[in-house]
Amino acid sequence: MSALQDCFECTEWSIFKEAATDNQRTNVEEYAASVSDYISWCMENETATKTIVTRANQKPWMTKEVRAKLRKRNAAFKSGDAVALRSTRANLKHAIRDAKRAHSRKIQGLFQDSNNTRKLWQGIQSVTDYKPPPSSCQNDTGFLNELNNFFGRFEELNSNPARKATPHPDEQALRLETSAVRKVLRKVNARKAAGPDNIPGRLIKE
């Protein structure tokens, strides 16, 4: 995250506005699209991608320390060293016991605050091993074509050319303060999934 912040601090953001401005009129859509694409490009270059492999029969208490002890036990078994095998088995047994206790305390902590429904639901899912069924996308092109024909019929009957509305002389232009924008961005929920721009909420908030 610090590398991304350094990248953004060194960026000359005014060039995006200049590129989207023509005859003193700024195309807001082009301006926003260019900034979003630049942020995505910085994310791809400055952040590391980590692949996590999960298995269907993986225990919830399985930690990195337990896996390390398990690999040592397997290596001792393959080497045929009886003394090392006894030692690694004992270490693995203690590591599994500690991991189970830590996982149990973690689950119990989810039920301590009855006002936090999010943690309560996480605790219920962990205890019951509940996994919501994946939603399937129906590929029904006929229904989509019917929707297009239904809403497209209004455009067929409209023969008037599109005209840009004339702004009222007393209407004030939209003004955004930097402090107000920063205040709104800090309220972004970092746990929610990224939107259509694929920019995560954690990056926007920080």
C-alpha atoms as a PDB file:
ATOM      1  CA  MET A   1       0.000   0.000   0.000  1.00  0.00           C
ATOM      2  CA  SER A   2       2.881   2.397   0.737  1.00  0.00           C
ATOM      3  CA  ALA A   3       4.278   1.862  -2.771  1.00  0.00           C
ATOM      4  CA  LEU A   4       0.919   2.796  -4.264  1.00  0.00           C
ATOM      5  CA  GLN A   5       0.693   5.905  -2.103  1.00  0.00           C
ATOM      6  CA  ASP A   6       4.154   6.990  -3.250  1.00  0.00           C
ATOM      7  CA  CYS A   7       3.116   6.409  -6.853  1.00  0.00           C
ATOM      8  CA  PHE A   8       0.010   8.553  -6.465  1.00  0.00           C
ATOM      9  CA  GLU A   9       1.899  11.334  -4.663  1.00  0.00           C
ATOM     10  CA  CYS A  10       4.356  11.585  -7.567  1.00  0.00           C
ATOM     11  CA  THR A  11       1.565  11.717 -10.161  1.00  0.00           C
ATOM     12  CA  GLU A  12       0.703  14.959 -11.936  1.00  0.00           C
ATOM     13  CA  TRP A  13      -3.088  14.597 -11.799  1.00  0.00           C
ATOM     14  CA  SER A  14      -3.748  17.793 -13.747  1.00  0.00           C
ATOM     15  CA  ILE A  15      -2.700  16.171 -17.030  1.00  0.00           C
ATOM     16  CA  PHE A  16      -5.802  13.950 -16.963  1.00  0.00           C
ATOM     17  CA  LYS A  17      -8.042  16.994 -16.714  1.00  0.00           C
ATOM     18  CA  GLU A  18      -6.153  18.769 -19.491  1.00  0.00           C
ATOM     19  CA  ALA A  19      -6.510  15.734 -21.766  1.00  0.00           C
ATOM     20  CA  ALA A  20     -10.282  15.621 -21.182  1.00  0.00           C
ATOM     21  CA  THR A  21     -10.789  19.388 -21.636  1.00  0.00           C
ATOM     22  CA  ASP A  22     -11.744  20.913 -24.984  1.00  0.00           C
ATOM     23  CA  ASN A  23     -12.682  24.590 -25.413  1.00  0.00           C
ATOM     24  CA  GLN A  24     -12.711  25.055 -21.638  1.00  0.00           C
ATOM     25  CA  ARG A  25     -15.237  22.228 -21.252  1.00  0.00           C
ATOM     26  CA  THR A  26     -14.185  19.114 -19.367  1.00  0.00           C
ATOM     27  CA  ASN A  27     -15.643  15.759 -20.366  1.00  0.00           C
ATOM     28  CA  VAL A  28     -16.334  14.285 -16.940  1.00  0.00           C
ATOM     29  CA  GLU A  29     -16.775  10.716 -18.247  1.00  0.00           C
ATOM     30  CA  GLU A  30     -13.483  10.793 -20.127  1.00  0.00           C
ATOM     31  CA  TYR A  31     -11.782  12.409 -17.131  1.00  0.00           C
ATOM     32  CA  ALA A  32     -13.063   9.752 -14.708  1.00  0.00           C
ATOM     33  CA  ALA A  33     -12.275   6.878 -17.100  1.00  0.00           C
ATOM     34  CA  SER A  34      -8.670   8.002 -17.609  1.00  0.00           C
ATOM     35  CA  VAL A  35      -8.091   8.390 -13.855  1.00  0.00           C
ATOM     36  CA  SER A  36      -9.643   4.965 -13.131  1.00  0.00           C
ATOM     37  CA  ASP A  37      -7.518   3.298 -15.812  1.00  0.00           C
ATOM     38  CA  TYR A  38      -4.389   4.920 -14.413  1.00  0.00           C
ATOM     39  CA  ILE A  39      -5.199   3.744 -10.877  1.00  0.00           C
ATOM     40  CA  SER A  40      -5.775   0.201 -12.175  1.00  0.00           C
ATOM     41  CA  TRP A  41      -2.465   0.330 -14.044  1.00  0.00           C
ATOM     42  CA  CYS A  42      -0.647   1.417 -10.870  1.00  0.00           C
ATOM     43  CA  MET A  43      -2.299  -1.418  -8.936  1.00  0.00           C
ATOM     44  CA  GLU A  44      -1.092  -3.997 -11.461  1.00  0.00           C
ATOM     45  CA  ASN A  45       2.488  -2.709 -11.350  1.00  0.00           C
ATOM     46  CA  GLU A  46       2.909  -1.905  -7.647  1.00  0.00           C
ATOM     47  CA  THR A  47       0.939  -4.652  -5.889  1.00  0.00           C
ATOM     48  CA  ALA A  48       1.869  -8.301  -5.553  1.00  0.00           C
ATOM     49  CA  THR A  49      -0.589 -11.002  -6.535  1.00  0.00           C
ATOM     50  CA  LYS A  50      -0.853 -13.932  -4.144  1.00  0.00           C
ATOM     51  CA  THR A  51      -2.525 -17.218  -5.042  1.00  0.00           C
ATOM     52  CA  ILE A  52      -4.139 -19.108  -2.155  1.00  0.00           C
ATOM     53  CA  VAL A  53      -5.016 -22.772  -2.651  1.00  0.00           C
ATOM     54  CA  THR A  54      -7.920 -24.127  -0.591  1.00  0.00           C
ATOM     55  CA  ARG A  55      -9.145 -27.706  -0.540  1.00  0.00           C
ATOM     56  CA  ALA A  56     -12.600 -29.056   0.173  1.00  0.00           C
ATOM     57  CA  ASN A  57     -11.414 -31.178   3.111  1.00  0.00           C
ATOM     58  CA  GLN A  58      -9.171 -28.497   4.619  1.00  0.00           C
ATOM     59  CA  LYS A  59      -9.697 -28.056   8.338  1.00  0.00           C
ATOM     60  CA  PRO A  60     -10.468 -24.521   9.552  1.00  0.00           C
ATOM     61  CA  TRP A  61      -7.805 -24.742  12.261  1.00  0.00           C
ATOM     62  CA  MET A  62      -5.056 -25.674   9.796  1.00  0.00           C
ATOM     63  CA  THR A  63      -2.399 -22.954  10.021  1.00  0.00           C
ATOM     64  CA  LYS A  64       0.990 -22.279   8.484  1.00  0.00           C
ATOM     65  CA  GLU A  65       2.746 -23.565  11.601  1.00  0.00           C
ATOM     66  CA  VAL A  66       0.821 -26.856  11.524  1.00  0.00           C
ATOM     67  CA  ARG A  67       1.686 -27.351   7.849  1.00  0.00           C
ATOM     68  CA  ALA A  68       5.363 -26.769   8.600  1.00  0.00           C
ATOM     69  CA  LYS A  69       5.289 -29.345  11.409  1.00  0.00           C
ATOM     70  CA  LEU A  70       3.444 -31.751   9.113  1.00  0.00           C
ATOM     71  CA  ARG A  71       6.109 -31.440   6.420  1.00  0.00           C
ATOM     72  CA  LYS A  72       8.838 -32.102   8.985  1.00  0.00           C
ATOM     73  CA  ARG A  73       6.986 -35.195  10.213  1.00  0.00           C
ATOM     74  CA  ASN A  74       6.664 -36.506   6.657  1.00  0.00           C
ATOM     75  CA  ALA A  75      10.340 -35.842   5.959  1.00  0.00           C
ATOM     76  CA  ALA A  76      11.346 -37.716   9.124  1.00  0.00           C
ATOM     77  CA  PHE A  77       9.098 -40.627   8.149  1.00  0.00           C
ATOM     78  CA  LYS A  78      10.663 -40.859   4.685  1.00  0.00           C
ATOM     79  CA  SER A  79      14.190 -40.684   6.092  1.00  0.00           C
ATOM     80  CA  GLY A  80      13.551 -43.631   8.428  1.00  0.00           C
ATOM     81  CA  ASP A  81      14.963 -41.819  11.476  1.00  0.00           C
ATOM     82  CA  ALA A  82      12.936 -43.166  14.416  1.00  0.00           C
ATOM     83  CA  VAL A  83      14.161 -40.537  16.897  1.00  0.00           C
ATOM     84  CA  ALA A  84      13.353 -37.642  14.573  1.00  0.00           C
ATOM     85  CA  LEU A  85       9.990 -39.204  13.769  1.00  0.00           C
ATOM     86  CA  ARG A  86       9.004 -39.362  17.448  1.00  0.00           C
ATOM     87  CA  SER A  87      10.101 -35.767  17.990  1.00  0.00           C
ATOM     88  CA  THR A  88       8.288 -34.410  14.938  1.00  0.00           C
ATOM     89  CA  ARG A  89       5.135 -36.358  15.807  1.00  0.00           C
ATOM     90  CA  ALA A  90       5.095 -34.841  19.294  1.00  0.00           C
ATOM     91  CA  ASN A  91       5.673 -31.351  17.889  1.00  0.00           C
ATOM     92  CA  LEU A  92       2.889 -31.855  15.354  1.00  0.00           C
ATOM     93  CA  LYS A  93       0.512 -33.047  18.063  1.00  0.00           C
ATOM     94  CA  HIS A  94       1.192 -29.966  20.201  1.00  0.00           C
ATOM     95  CA  ALA A  95       0.850 -27.643  17.193  1.00  0.00           C
ATOM     96  CA  ILE A  96      -2.525 -29.156  16.256  1.00  0.00           C
ATOM     97  CA  ARG A  97      -3.756 -28.843  19.838  1.00  0.00           C
ATOM     98  CA  ASP A  98      -2.705 -25.180  20.044  1.00  0.00           C
ATOM     99  CA  ALA A  99      -4.244 -24.417  16.634  1.00  0.00           C
ATOM    100  CA  LYS A 100      -7.562 -25.984  17.647  1.00  0.00           C
ATOM    101  CA  ARG A 101      -7.634 -23.983  20.875  1.00  0.00           C
ATOM    102  CA  ALA A 102      -6.869 -20.747  19.022  1.00  0.00           C
ATOM    103  CA  HIS A 103      -9.592 -21.487  16.480  1.00  0.00           C
ATOM    104  CA  SER A 104     -12.059 -22.250  19.270  1.00  0.00           C
ATOM    105  CA  ARG A 105     -11.294 -18.917  20.971  1.00  0.00           C
ATOM    106  CA  LYS A 106     -11.721 -17.140  17.649  1.00  0.00           C
ATOM    107  CA  ILE A 107     -15.175 -18.672  17.099  1.00  0.00           C
ATOM    108  CA  GLN A 108     -16.234 -17.868  20.663  1.00  0.00           C
ATOM    109  CA  GLY A 109     -15.184 -14.258  20.152  1.00  0.00           C
ATOM    110  CA  LEU A 110     -17.629 -13.926  17.261  1.00  0.00           C
ATOM    111  CA  PHE A 111     -20.570 -14.510  19.631  1.00  0.00           C
ATOM    112  CA  GLN A 112     -19.523 -12.070  22.365  1.00  0.00           C
ATOM    113  CA  ASP A 113     -21.168  -8.974  20.869  1.00  0.00           C
ATOM    114  CA  SER A 114     -24.857  -9.662  20.204  1.00  0.00           C
ATOM    115  CA  ASN A 115     -25.248  -6.294  18.466  1.00  0.00           C
ATOM    116  CA  ASN A 116     -22.754  -7.171  15.745  1.00  0.00           C
ATOM    117  CA  THR A 117     -24.883  -9.251  13.381  1.00  0.00           C
ATOM    118  CA  ARG A 118     -22.045  -9.630  10.895  1.00  0.00           C
ATOM    119  CA  LYS A 119     -19.828 -11.464  13.392  1.00  0.00           C
ATOM    120  CA  LEU A 120     -22.780 -13.512  14.643  1.00  0.00           C
ATOM    121  CA  TRP A 121     -23.501 -14.694  11.114  1.00  0.00           C
ATOM    122  CA  GLN A 122     -19.812 -15.510  10.596  1.00  0.00           C
ATOM    123  CA  GLY A 123     -19.868 -17.587  13.776  1.00  0.00           C
ATOM    124  CA  ILE A 124     -22.971 -19.497  12.688  1.00  0.00           C
ATOM    125  CA  GLN A 125     -21.407 -20.195   9.296  1.00  0.00           C
ATOM    126  CA  SER A 126     -18.210 -21.448  10.935  1.00  0.00           C
ATOM    127  CA  VAL A 127     -20.007 -23.736  13.406  1.00  0.00           C
ATOM    128  CA  THR A 128     -22.474 -25.194  10.895  1.00  0.00           C
ATOM    129  CA  ASP A 129     -20.034 -25.147   7.940  1.00  0.00           C
ATOM    130  CA  TYR A 130     -22.738 -23.414   5.919  1.00  0.00           C
ATOM    131  CA  LYS A 131     -21.795 -22.349   2.408  1.00  0.00           C
ATOM    132  CA  PRO A 132     -24.363 -20.559   0.248  1.00  0.00           C
ATOM    133  CA  PRO A 133     -25.001 -22.276  -3.076  1.00  0.00           C
ATOM    134  CA  PRO A 134     -23.298 -20.566  -6.017  1.00  0.00           C
ATOM    135  CA  SER A 135     -25.620 -18.495  -8.147  1.00  0.00           C
ATOM    136  CA  SER A 136     -25.865 -19.649 -11.744  1.00  0.00           C
ATOM    137  CA  CYS A 137     -26.215 -17.239 -14.653  1.00  0.00           C
ATOM    138  CA  GLN A 138     -28.922 -18.201 -17.122  1.00  0.00           C
ATOM    139  CA  ASN A 139     -27.871 -17.760 -20.718  1.00  0.00           C
ATOM    140  CA  ASP A 140     -31.304 -17.030 -22.163  1.00  0.00           C
ATOM    141  CA  THR A 141     -30.696 -14.855 -25.223  1.00  0.00           C
ATOM    142  CA  GLY A 142     -34.353 -14.974 -26.224  1.00  0.00           C
ATOM    143  CA  PHE A 143     -35.441 -13.188 -23.060  1.00  0.00           C
ATOM    144  CA  LEU A 144     -32.722 -10.568 -23.541  1.00  0.00           C
ATOM    145  CA  ASN A 145     -33.844  -9.921 -27.112  1.00  0.00           C
ATOM    146  CA  GLU A 146     -37.418  -9.486 -25.919  1.00  0.00           C
ATOM    147  CA  LEU A 147     -36.274  -6.864 -23.430  1.00  0.00           C
ATOM    148  CA  ASN A 148     -34.337  -5.017 -26.129  1.00  0.00           C
ATOM    149  CA  ASN A 149     -37.329  -5.024 -28.459  1.00  0.00           C
ATOM    150  CA  PHE A 150     -39.659  -3.891 -25.674  1.00  0.00           C
ATOM    151  CA  PHE A 151     -37.602  -0.875 -24.638  1.00  0.00           C
ATOM    152  CA  GLY A 152     -36.300  -0.149 -28.134  1.00  0.00           C
ATOM    153  CA  ARG A 153     -39.760   0.498 -29.517  1.00  0.00           C
ATOM    154  CA  PHE A 154     -39.831   3.912 -27.836  1.00  0.00           C
ATOM    155  CA  GLU A 155     -36.790   5.012 -29.831  1.00  0.00           C
ATOM    156  CA  GLU A 156     -38.352   3.884 -33.102  1.00  0.00           C
ATOM    157  CA  LEU A 157     -41.397   6.122 -32.550  1.00  0.00           C
ATOM    158  CA  ASN A 158     -39.286   9.118 -31.515  1.00  0.00           C
ATOM    159  CA  SER A 159     -38.316  11.141 -34.600  1.00  0.00           C
ATOM    160  CA  ASN A 160     -37.221  14.298 -32.768  1.00  0.00           C
ATOM    161  CA  PRO A 161     -33.465  14.875 -32.814  1.00  0.00           C
ATOM    162  CA  ALA A 162     -31.699  14.991 -29.485  1.00  0.00           C
ATOM    163  CA  ARG A 163     -31.021  18.490 -28.192  1.00  0.00           C
ATOM    164  CA  LYS A 164     -28.881  19.630 -25.334  1.00  0.00           C
ATOM    165  CA  ALA A 165     -30.825  21.466 -22.659  1.00  0.00           C
ATOM    166  CA  THR A 166     -29.916  25.108 -22.169  1.00  0.00           C
ATOM    167  CA  PRO A 167     -28.800  25.781 -18.588  1.00  0.00           C
ATOM    168  CA  HIS A 168     -30.757  28.347 -16.618  1.00  0.00           C
ATOM    169  CA  PRO A 169     -28.896  31.670 -16.240  1.00  0.00           C
ATOM    170  CA  ASP A 170     -29.368  31.623 -12.451  1.00  0.00           C
ATOM    171  CA  GLU A 171     -28.202  28.014 -12.127  1.00  0.00           C
ATOM    172  CA  GLN A 172     -24.879  27.640 -10.362  1.00  0.00           C
ATOM    173  CA  ALA A 173     -22.230  25.232 -11.568  1.00  0.00           C
ATOM    174  CA  LEU A 174     -21.520  22.151  -9.500  1.00  0.00           C
ATOM    175  CA  ARG A 175     -18.601  22.712  -7.145  1.00  0.00           C
ATOM    176  CA  LEU A 176     -16.864  19.986  -5.194  1.00  0.00           C
ATOM    177  CA  GLU A 177     -14.555  20.691  -2.300  1.00  0.00           C
ATOM    178  CA  THR A 178     -11.544  18.459  -1.725  1.00  0.00           C
ATOM    179  CA  SER A 179     -12.387  18.050   1.950  1.00  0.00           C
ATOM    180  CA  ALA A 180     -15.948  16.940   1.133  1.00  0.00           C
ATOM    181  CA  VAL A 181     -14.735  14.345  -1.385  1.00  0.00           C
ATOM    182  CA  ARG A 182     -12.136  13.041   1.072  1.00  0.00           C
ATOM    183  CA  LYS A 183     -14.815  12.763   3.769  1.00  0.00           C
ATOM    184  CA  VAL A 184     -17.033  10.666   1.493  1.00  0.00           C
ATOM    185  CA  LEU A 185     -14.176   8.391   0.410  1.00  0.00           C
ATOM    186  CA  ARG A 186     -13.223   7.683   4.021  1.00  0.00           C
ATOM    187  CA  LYS A 187     -16.706   6.294   4.608  1.00  0.00           C
ATOM    188  CA  VAL A 188     -16.244   3.607   1.935  1.00  0.00           C
ATOM    189  CA  ASN A 189     -16.676   0.088   3.291  1.00  0.00           C
ATOM    190  CA  ALA A 190     -13.366  -1.641   2.577  1.00  0.00           C
ATOM    191  CA  ARG A 191     -14.944  -5.100   3.036  1.00  0.00           C
ATOM    192  CA  LYS A 192     -17.267  -4.755   0.054  1.00  0.00           C
ATOM    193  CA  ALA A 193     -16.316  -5.981  -3.393  1.00  0.00           C
ATOM    194  CA  ALA A 194     -14.916  -3.615  -5.984  1.00  0.00           C
ATOM    195  CA  GLY A 195     -17.294  -1.857  -8.341  1.00  0.00           C
ATOM    196  CA  PRO A 196     -17.272  -1.737 -12.159  1.00  0.00           C
ATOM    197  CA  ASP A 197     -13.956   0.148 -12.089  1.00  0.00           C
ATOM    198  CA  ASN A 198     -12.293  -2.821 -10.284  1.00  0.00           C
ATOM    199  CA  ILE A 199     -10.756  -0.459  -7.704  1.00  0.00           C
ATOM    200  CA  PRO A 200     -10.997  -2.042  -4.225  1.00  0.00           C
ATOM    201  CA  GLY A 201     -12.576  -0.069  -1.422  1.00  0.00           C
ATOM    202  CA  ARG A 202      -9.453  -0.334   0.732  1.00  0.00           C
ATOM    203  CA  LEU A 203      -7.443   1.585  -1.858  1.00  0.00           C
ATOM    204  CA  ILE A 204     -10.100   4.306  -2.142  1.00  0.00           C
ATOM    205  CA  LYS A 205     -10.401   4.648   1.629  1.00  0.00           C
ATOM    206  CA  GLU A 206      -6.677   4.889   2.325  1.00  0.00           C
END
